[in-house]
Protein backbone atom coordinates (compact mmCIF):
# COMPACT_ATOMS: atom_id res chain seq x y z
CA MET A 1 -1.65 17.61 -3.05
CA SER A 2 -1.08 16.54 0.54
CA GLU A 3 -3.62 17.25 3.24
CA SER A 4 -3.01 18.82 6.66
CA LYS A 5 -0.83 16.80 9.03
CA GLU A 6 -2.99 17.12 12.12
CA MET A 7 -1.43 14.22 14.03
CA GLN A 8 2.10 14.63 12.81
CA LYS A 9 3.53 17.16 15.22
CA GLY A 10 5.78 15.19 17.53
CA GLU A 11 3.64 12.07 17.27
CA LEU A 12 3.50 10.59 13.82
CA ALA A 13 5.72 9.96 10.82
CA PRO A 14 7.28 12.47 8.41
CA THR A 15 5.77 13.70 5.17
CA GLU A 16 6.50 10.69 2.95
CA TRP A 17 4.07 8.67 5.09
CA ILE A 18 1.17 11.13 4.75
CA TRP A 19 -1.75 10.36 2.47
CA ASN A 20 -1.70 12.13 -0.87
CA GLU A 21 -4.54 12.62 -3.32
CA ASP A 22 -2.42 11.46 -6.25
CA GLU A 23 -0.89 8.23 -4.95
CA ASN A 24 -0.99 5.82 -2.04
CA PRO A 25 1.71 6.00 0.65
CA PRO A 26 4.27 3.17 0.68
CA PHE A 27 2.60 1.28 3.53
CA HIS A 28 -0.72 0.74 1.71
CA ARG A 29 -1.38 -2.78 0.42
CA THR A 30 -3.87 -3.76 -2.27
CA GLN A 31 -4.56 -7.17 -0.71
CA TYR A 32 -5.31 -8.63 2.71
CA ALA A 33 -2.28 -8.75 5.01
CA PRO A 34 -1.04 -12.36 4.70
CA MET A 35 -0.10 -12.61 8.37
CA LEU A 36 -3.53 -11.42 9.47
CA VAL A 37 -5.11 -14.12 7.35
CA LYS A 38 -2.65 -16.73 8.63
CA HIS A 39 -2.94 -15.82 12.31
CA PHE A 40 -6.51 -14.57 12.50
CA ASP A 41 -7.32 -17.34 14.96
CA CYS A 42 -4.83 -15.81 17.40
CA LEU A 43 -7.35 -12.98 17.78
CA PHE A 44 -10.63 -14.82 17.33
CA ALA A 45 -11.25 -18.55 17.55
CA ASP A 46 -13.14 -20.24 14.74
CA GLY A 47 -16.69 -18.93 14.66
CA GLU A 48 -16.10 -16.42 17.46
CA THR A 49 -17.53 -12.95 16.97
CA GLY A 50 -16.78 -9.67 18.66
CA ARG A 51 -15.39 -6.20 18.15
CA VAL A 52 -12.02 -5.50 16.51
CA PHE A 53 -10.11 -2.22 16.37
CA VAL A 54 -7.77 -1.22 13.52
CA PRO A 55 -5.72 1.85 14.55
CA LEU A 56 -4.35 4.13 11.81
CA CYS A 57 -6.31 2.01 9.38
CA GLY A 58 -5.92 4.13 6.27
CA LYS A 59 -7.96 2.40 3.59
CA THR A 60 -6.73 -1.09 4.34
CA LEU A 61 -8.62 -4.00 2.85
CA ASP A 62 -8.03 -5.79 6.13
CA MET A 63 -11.20 -4.13 7.40
CA ILE A 64 -13.17 -5.91 4.68
CA PHE A 65 -11.55 -9.22 5.64
CA LEU A 66 -12.43 -8.72 9.30
CA ALA A 67 -16.00 -7.62 8.62
CA ASP A 68 -16.55 -10.63 6.36
CA LYS A 69 -15.50 -12.81 9.31
CA GLY A 70 -18.60 -11.57 11.12
CA LEU A 71 -16.84 -9.01 13.33
CA GLU A 72 -17.79 -5.47 14.18
CA VAL A 73 -14.87 -3.46 12.79
CA VAL A 74 -13.84 -0.03 14.07
CA GLY A 75 -10.98 1.87 12.46
CA LEU A 76 -9.23 5.12 13.33
CA GLU A 77 -7.47 7.25 10.74
CA PHE A 78 -6.38 10.90 10.79
CA SER A 79 -6.47 11.28 6.99
CA GLU A 80 -9.69 12.26 5.25
CA ILE A 81 -8.13 11.05 2.00
CA GLY A 82 -7.51 7.62 3.53
CA VAL A 83 -10.95 7.29 5.10
CA GLU A 84 -13.00 8.41 2.13
CA GLY A 85 -10.69 6.49 -0.22
CA PHE A 86 -11.57 3.28 1.62
CA PHE A 87 -15.26 3.69 0.89
CA LYS A 88 -14.70 4.84 -2.70
CA ASP A 89 -12.27 2.03 -3.57
CA ASN A 90 -14.63 -0.63 -2.21
CA ASN A 91 -17.86 0.83 -3.65
CA LEU A 92 -19.27 1.37 -0.17
CA THR A 93 -21.46 4.18 1.11
CA TYR A 94 -21.48 5.74 4.55
CA LYS A 95 -23.24 8.06 6.96
CA LYS A 96 -21.01 10.82 8.31
CA MET A 97 -21.46 12.66 11.57
CA ASP A 98 -19.42 14.63 14.09
CA VAL A 99 -18.70 12.98 17.45
CA VAL A 100 -20.22 14.93 20.33
CA ASN A 101 -17.66 16.77 22.47
CA GLN A 102 -14.68 15.30 20.59
CA PRO A 103 -12.78 16.58 17.51
CA LEU A 104 -13.59 13.34 15.66
CA VAL A 105 -15.79 12.48 12.69
CA GLN A 106 -17.57 9.14 12.46
CA TYR A 107 -18.07 7.34 9.15
CA LYS A 108 -20.50 4.42 9.45
CA CYS A 109 -20.65 2.04 6.51
CA ASN A 110 -24.11 1.24 5.19
CA GLU A 111 -23.25 -2.12 3.62
CA LYS A 112 -20.85 -3.70 6.12
CA ASN A 113 -20.32 -3.60 9.89
CA ILE A 114 -17.48 -1.09 9.66
CA THR A 115 -17.14 2.27 11.39
CA ILE A 116 -14.16 4.56 10.94
CA TYR A 117 -13.35 7.54 13.15
CA ARG A 118 -11.38 10.32 11.50
CA GLY A 119 -9.15 12.39 13.76
CA ASP A 120 -6.31 12.24 16.22
CA MET A 121 -5.73 8.83 17.81
CA PHE A 122 -5.12 10.52 21.14
CA ASN A 123 -8.67 11.87 21.25
CA LEU A 124 -10.14 8.36 21.16
CA ASN A 125 -11.39 6.73 24.35
CA PRO A 126 -13.87 4.02 25.42
CA ASP A 127 -16.63 6.59 25.93
CA VAL A 128 -16.45 7.30 22.19
CA CYS A 129 -15.96 3.85 20.68
CA GLY A 130 -16.32 1.28 23.47
CA GLN A 131 -13.83 -1.51 24.16
CA PHE A 132 -12.60 -4.30 21.92
CA ASP A 133 -12.04 -8.05 21.93
CA GLY A 134 -9.18 -7.83 19.44
CA ILE A 135 -6.87 -5.27 17.85
CA TRP A 136 -5.04 -5.62 14.53
CA ASP A 137 -2.09 -3.21 14.61
CA ARG A 138 -0.35 -3.11 11.27
CA GLY A 139 1.66 0.06 10.75
CA SER A 140 0.24 1.96 13.72
CA TYR A 141 2.52 1.47 16.74
CA VAL A 142 5.57 1.48 14.45
CA ALA A 143 4.49 4.84 13.00
CA ILE A 144 4.24 6.57 16.36
CA ASN A 145 7.37 8.50 17.24
CA ILE A 146 9.25 6.84 20.08
CA PRO A 147 8.71 9.53 22.78
CA THR A 148 4.94 9.16 22.26
CA GLN A 149 4.75 5.36 22.23
CA GLN A 150 3.84 5.03 25.91
CA LYS A 151 1.00 7.51 25.44
CA TYR A 152 -0.18 5.42 22.49
CA ALA A 153 0.07 2.19 24.49
CA ASP A 154 -1.97 3.70 27.32
CA ILE A 155 -4.76 4.58 24.87
CA ILE A 156 -4.74 1.08 23.37
CA LEU A 157 -4.82 -0.56 26.80
CA GLN A 158 -7.87 1.51 27.76
CA LEU A 159 -9.64 0.22 24.65
CA MET A 160 -9.02 -3.45 25.46
CA LYS A 161 -11.52 -5.70 27.18
CA PRO A 162 -10.11 -7.85 30.04
CA GLU A 163 -9.40 -10.83 27.74
CA ALA A 164 -8.53 -8.86 24.61
CA LYS A 165 -5.55 -9.57 22.36
CA ILE A 166 -3.47 -7.52 19.96
CA LEU A 167 -1.83 -8.92 16.84
CA MET A 168 0.90 -6.44 15.95
CA GLU A 169 3.27 -6.18 13.01
CA THR A 170 6.66 -4.82 14.09
CA PHE A 171 9.98 -4.14 12.40
CA THR A 172 13.59 -4.75 13.36
CA TYR A 173 16.55 -3.60 11.27
CA ASP A 174 19.96 -1.94 11.35
CA THR A 175 19.19 1.45 12.86
CA SER A 176 22.59 2.78 11.75
CA ARG A 177 21.27 2.59 8.18
CA TYR A 178 17.74 3.82 8.77
CA GLY A 179 16.05 5.56 11.67
CA GLY A 180 12.37 4.99 10.89
CA PRO A 181 9.47 5.11 10.44
CA PRO A 182 8.45 2.39 10.59
CA HIS A 183 10.41 2.47 13.83
CA CYS A 184 12.55 -0.44 14.92
CA ILE A 185 10.58 -2.22 17.66
CA THR A 186 12.28 -4.78 19.86
CA LEU A 187 10.65 -7.06 22.40
CA GLU A 188 12.30 -4.90 25.07
CA ASN A 189 10.50 -1.89 23.65
CA LEU A 190 7.13 -3.68 23.77
CA GLN A 191 7.82 -4.88 27.30
CA SER A 192 8.50 -1.32 28.41
CA THR A 193 5.25 0.04 26.97
CA PHE A 194 2.80 -2.88 27.19
CA GLY A 195 4.51 -5.38 29.49
CA SER A 196 2.90 -4.26 32.72
CA LYS A 197 -0.53 -5.29 31.40
CA CYS A 198 0.18 -7.80 28.63
CA GLU A 199 1.92 -11.09 27.98
CA ILE A 200 3.94 -10.74 24.78
CA LYS A 201 5.14 -13.42 22.39
CA VAL A 202 6.29 -13.61 18.77
CA VAL A 203 3.99 -15.84 16.70
CA ASP A 204 5.70 -15.48 13.31
CA THR A 205 8.34 -13.55 11.38
CA MET A 206 9.04 -12.60 7.80
CA THR A 207 11.74 -10.62 6.02
CA MET A 208 11.56 -7.98 3.34
CA LEU A 209 13.85 -5.67 1.41
CA ALA A 210 13.61 -2.09 2.67
CA HIS A 211 11.26 0.07 0.59
CA PRO A 212 13.11 2.51 -1.72
CA VAL A 213 11.61 5.45 0.19
CA PHE A 214 13.83 4.47 3.15
CA ASN A 215 17.00 5.20 1.13
CA ALA A 216 18.59 2.23 2.90
CA GLY A 217 19.88 0.40 -0.16
CA ASP A 218 19.65 -3.37 0.04
CA MET A 219 18.94 -3.48 3.77
CA ILE A 220 16.84 -6.44 4.91
CA MET A 221 14.12 -5.81 7.48
CA THR A 222 12.75 -8.50 9.78
CA LEU A 223 9.05 -8.27 10.66
CA PRO A 224 8.17 -10.04 13.92
CA TYR A 225 4.43 -10.53 14.40
CA CYS A 226 3.67 -10.23 18.10
CA LEU A 227 0.65 -11.38 20.07
CA LEU A 228 -0.13 -9.28 23.14
CA SER A 229 -2.62 -10.81 25.57
CA MET A 230 -4.03 -9.09 28.64
CA LYS A 231 -2.69 -10.60 31.86
């Protein structure tokens, strides 16, 4: 049974990308993201500590990886199934409380330095969660419908400290065969939404066969991993 799609209207992905009680959505991974592990030092130098934000985090194990690096981890996820599934799957407990004057719920982990806010991304601001030294964006920006991407970028930029960096997984592919999500994100797209405040470069790429849910046959997708640094 699928839950309510509170962020979906005009902003997020269609129904096949919504969390379901019976199975994980196609974007969920049961291991650390290899490119996060490989390029972690793009966000934080060896031994450096700080605060890291994981937007649309679902129940990603990447939050465990980041917390075990000594970071304060803050996630944002609209799905109650995703948030509570993270704690259940990892045998973690939490304290749950409503955020004052915002339609958000805070889940604070008891065992690790991880806090997840449940609710609409567009209700998050620095007064609620503070600002961050790094952001790991895997599956968040690419899930936001194109007309709303600038609004998303503006929120993310507000959450960044002056020297913050974003490591972002993006997708490029033949849009005549598939229209997203994940949406096709070019460097020109990132320049239009983040370029006024950030330097943008590609630090790595990988390729993958399109997931069967895309109905795109044997289409190959290229995944550029982009580093966005505040100017």
